[in-house]
Amino acid sequence: MVFKYYKNDLYLTVEVMRKQNKHSYFRVRDGKVLVTANKTITKEEIEKIIKTNFDNFYKTA
């Protein structure tokens, strides 16, 4: 699943990969945020984490 997360005039492209991991992992590669998460975490929870750390992700991307 790929979506764009907007904050003010800035946005991040987020790609979510579902795997059988116990935890969720957030990485920045090729200008987008790659999220590896299990199937129980919802899109809203992922967006909440991205909202909290948006500045760090945006600087790195």
N, C-alpha and C. Protein backbone atom coordinates (compact mmCIF):
# COMPACT_ATOMS: atom_id res chain seq x y z
N MET A 1 0.85 -1.16 0.00
CA MET A 1 0.00 0.00 0.00
C MET A 1 0.91 1.23 0.00
N VAL A 2 0.64 2.17 -0.88
CA VAL A 2 1.39 3.41 -0.98
C VAL A 2 0.42 4.57 -0.83
N PHE A 3 0.78 5.54 0.00
CA PHE A 3 -0.05 6.73 0.15
C PHE A 3 0.84 7.91 0.47
N LYS A 4 0.29 9.11 0.35
CA LYS A 4 1.02 10.33 0.67
C LYS A 4 0.44 10.92 1.94
N TYR A 5 1.34 11.32 2.85
CA TYR A 5 0.93 11.96 4.10
C TYR A 5 1.27 13.43 3.98
N TYR A 6 0.26 14.30 4.13
CA TYR A 6 0.44 15.74 3.98
C TYR A 6 0.44 16.43 5.34
N LYS A 7 1.34 17.40 5.47
CA LYS A 7 1.36 18.28 6.65
C LYS A 7 1.72 19.66 6.13
N ASN A 8 0.78 20.60 6.28
CA ASN A 8 0.89 21.94 5.71
C ASN A 8 1.11 21.82 4.20
N ASP A 9 2.18 22.37 3.66
CA ASP A 9 2.45 22.27 2.22
C ASP A 9 3.43 21.15 1.90
N LEU A 10 3.85 20.40 2.89
CA LEU A 10 4.84 19.34 2.71
C LEU A 10 4.14 17.98 2.70
N TYR A 11 4.78 17.01 2.05
CA TYR A 11 4.22 15.66 2.07
C TYR A 11 5.32 14.62 2.04
N LEU A 12 5.00 13.45 2.51
CA LEU A 12 5.88 12.29 2.47
C LEU A 12 5.16 11.17 1.74
N THR A 13 5.88 10.46 0.91
CA THR A 13 5.34 9.25 0.29
C THR A 13 5.65 8.09 1.23
N VAL A 14 4.62 7.34 1.57
CA VAL A 14 4.76 6.25 2.53
C VAL A 14 4.39 4.94 1.84
N GLU A 15 5.26 3.95 1.96
CA GLU A 15 4.99 2.62 1.41
C GLU A 15 4.92 1.64 2.58
N VAL A 16 3.81 0.95 2.70
CA VAL A 16 3.60 0.01 3.80
C VAL A 16 3.71 -1.41 3.26
N MET A 17 4.59 -2.19 3.89
CA MET A 17 4.76 -3.60 3.53
C MET A 17 4.30 -4.42 4.73
N ARG A 18 3.41 -5.36 4.49
CA ARG A 18 2.90 -6.22 5.57
C ARG A 18 3.74 -7.49 5.65
N LYS A 19 4.29 -7.74 6.82
CA LYS A 19 5.08 -8.93 7.07
C LYS A 19 4.70 -9.48 8.44
N GLN A 20 5.19 -10.64 8.76
CA GLN A 20 4.89 -11.23 10.06
C GLN A 20 5.95 -10.83 11.07
N ASN A 21 6.08 -9.52 11.27
CA ASN A 21 6.99 -8.98 12.28
C ASN A 21 6.22 -8.75 13.56
N LYS A 22 6.93 -8.78 14.66
CA LYS A 22 6.29 -8.48 15.93
C LYS A 22 6.17 -6.97 16.12
N HIS A 23 7.13 -6.21 15.58
CA HIS A 23 7.16 -4.76 15.75
C HIS A 23 7.02 -4.09 14.38
N SER A 24 6.86 -2.79 14.41
CA SER A 24 6.79 -2.00 13.17
C SER A 24 8.11 -1.25 13.01
N TYR A 25 8.59 -1.21 11.77
CA TYR A 25 9.86 -0.56 11.48
C TYR A 25 9.65 0.53 10.45
N PHE A 26 10.27 1.69 10.68
CA PHE A 26 10.16 2.84 9.79
C PHE A 26 11.56 3.16 9.28
N ARG A 27 11.70 3.22 7.93
CA ARG A 27 12.97 3.55 7.31
C ARG A 27 12.73 4.60 6.24
N VAL A 28 13.76 5.36 5.94
CA VAL A 28 13.69 6.31 4.83
C VAL A 28 14.65 5.82 3.76
N ARG A 29 14.10 5.52 2.57
CA ARG A 29 14.91 5.08 1.43
C ARG A 29 14.35 5.69 0.16
N ASP A 30 15.25 6.13 -0.69
CA ASP A 30 14.88 6.67 -2.00
C ASP A 30 13.83 7.77 -1.90
N GLY A 31 13.91 8.59 -0.87
CA GLY A 31 12.99 9.72 -0.74
C GLY A 31 11.61 9.37 -0.24
N LYS A 32 11.40 8.15 0.23
CA LYS A 32 10.09 7.80 0.79
C LYS A 32 10.28 7.01 2.08
N VAL A 33 9.23 6.99 2.86
CA VAL A 33 9.26 6.28 4.14
C VAL A 33 8.75 4.86 3.91
N LEU A 34 9.58 3.87 4.22
CA LEU A 34 9.17 2.48 4.11
C LEU A 34 8.78 1.98 5.49
N VAL A 35 7.58 1.44 5.59
CA VAL A 35 7.07 0.92 6.86
C VAL A 35 6.89 -0.58 6.71
N THR A 36 7.52 -1.32 7.60
CA THR A 36 7.32 -2.76 7.66
C THR A 36 6.54 -3.04 8.93
N ALA A 37 5.33 -3.57 8.76
CA ALA A 37 4.45 -3.77 9.91
C ALA A 37 3.67 -5.06 9.74
N ASN A 38 3.17 -5.58 10.85
CA ASN A 38 2.32 -6.76 10.74
C ASN A 38 0.90 -6.35 10.37
N LYS A 39 0.06 -7.32 10.13
CA LYS A 39 -1.27 -7.03 9.59
C LYS A 39 -2.23 -6.43 10.61
N THR A 40 -1.88 -6.44 11.89
CA THR A 40 -2.80 -5.92 12.90
C THR A 40 -2.71 -4.41 13.10
N ILE A 41 -1.62 -3.78 12.68
CA ILE A 41 -1.50 -2.33 12.83
C ILE A 41 -2.29 -1.66 11.71
N THR A 42 -3.07 -0.66 12.07
CA THR A 42 -3.94 0.00 11.10
C THR A 42 -3.24 1.18 10.45
N LYS A 43 -3.83 1.65 9.36
CA LYS A 43 -3.29 2.82 8.66
C LYS A 43 -3.33 4.05 9.56
N GLU A 44 -4.36 4.17 10.38
CA GLU A 44 -4.48 5.31 11.29
C GLU A 44 -3.34 5.32 12.31
N GLU A 45 -2.95 4.14 12.81
CA GLU A 45 -1.84 4.07 13.75
C GLU A 45 -0.52 4.44 13.09
N ILE A 46 -0.33 4.02 11.84
CA ILE A 46 0.87 4.38 11.09
C ILE A 46 0.91 5.89 10.87
N GLU A 47 -0.23 6.47 10.49
CA GLU A 47 -0.30 7.92 10.28
C GLU A 47 -0.02 8.69 11.57
N LYS A 48 -0.46 8.16 12.69
CA LYS A 48 -0.22 8.81 13.98
C LYS A 48 1.28 8.86 14.29
N ILE A 49 1.99 7.77 14.02
CA ILE A 49 3.43 7.73 14.25
C ILE A 49 4.16 8.67 13.29
N ILE A 50 3.72 8.70 12.04
CA ILE A 50 4.34 9.60 11.06
C ILE A 50 4.08 11.05 11.45
N LYS A 51 2.89 11.35 11.93
CA LYS A 51 2.57 12.72 12.36
C LYS A 51 3.49 13.15 13.50
N THR A 52 3.74 12.25 14.44
CA THR A 52 4.60 12.57 15.57
C THR A 52 6.04 12.83 15.14
N ASN A 53 6.53 12.07 14.16
CA ASN A 53 7.93 12.16 13.74
C ASN A 53 8.09 12.75 12.35
N PHE A 54 7.13 13.55 11.89
CA PHE A 54 7.14 14.06 10.52
C PHE A 54 8.41 14.83 10.21
N ASP A 55 8.83 15.72 11.10
CA ASP A 55 10.01 16.55 10.84
C ASP A 55 11.27 15.71 10.65
N ASN A 56 11.45 14.70 11.47
CA ASN A 56 12.62 13.82 11.34
C ASN A 56 12.59 13.06 10.01
N PHE A 57 11.44 12.52 9.65
CA PHE A 57 11.33 11.81 8.38
C PHE A 57 11.56 12.74 7.20
N TYR A 58 11.02 13.94 7.26
CA TYR A 58 11.13 14.88 6.15
C TYR A 58 12.58 15.34 5.96
N LYS A 59 13.29 15.60 7.06
CA LYS A 59 14.70 16.00 6.95
C LYS A 59 15.54 14.90 6.34
N THR A 60 15.26 13.66 6.71
CA THR A 60 16.05 12.53 6.22
C THR A 60 15.71 12.19 4.78
N ALA A 61 14.45 12.34 4.41
CA ALA A 61 14.03 12.02 3.03
C ALA A 61 14.51 13.11 2.13
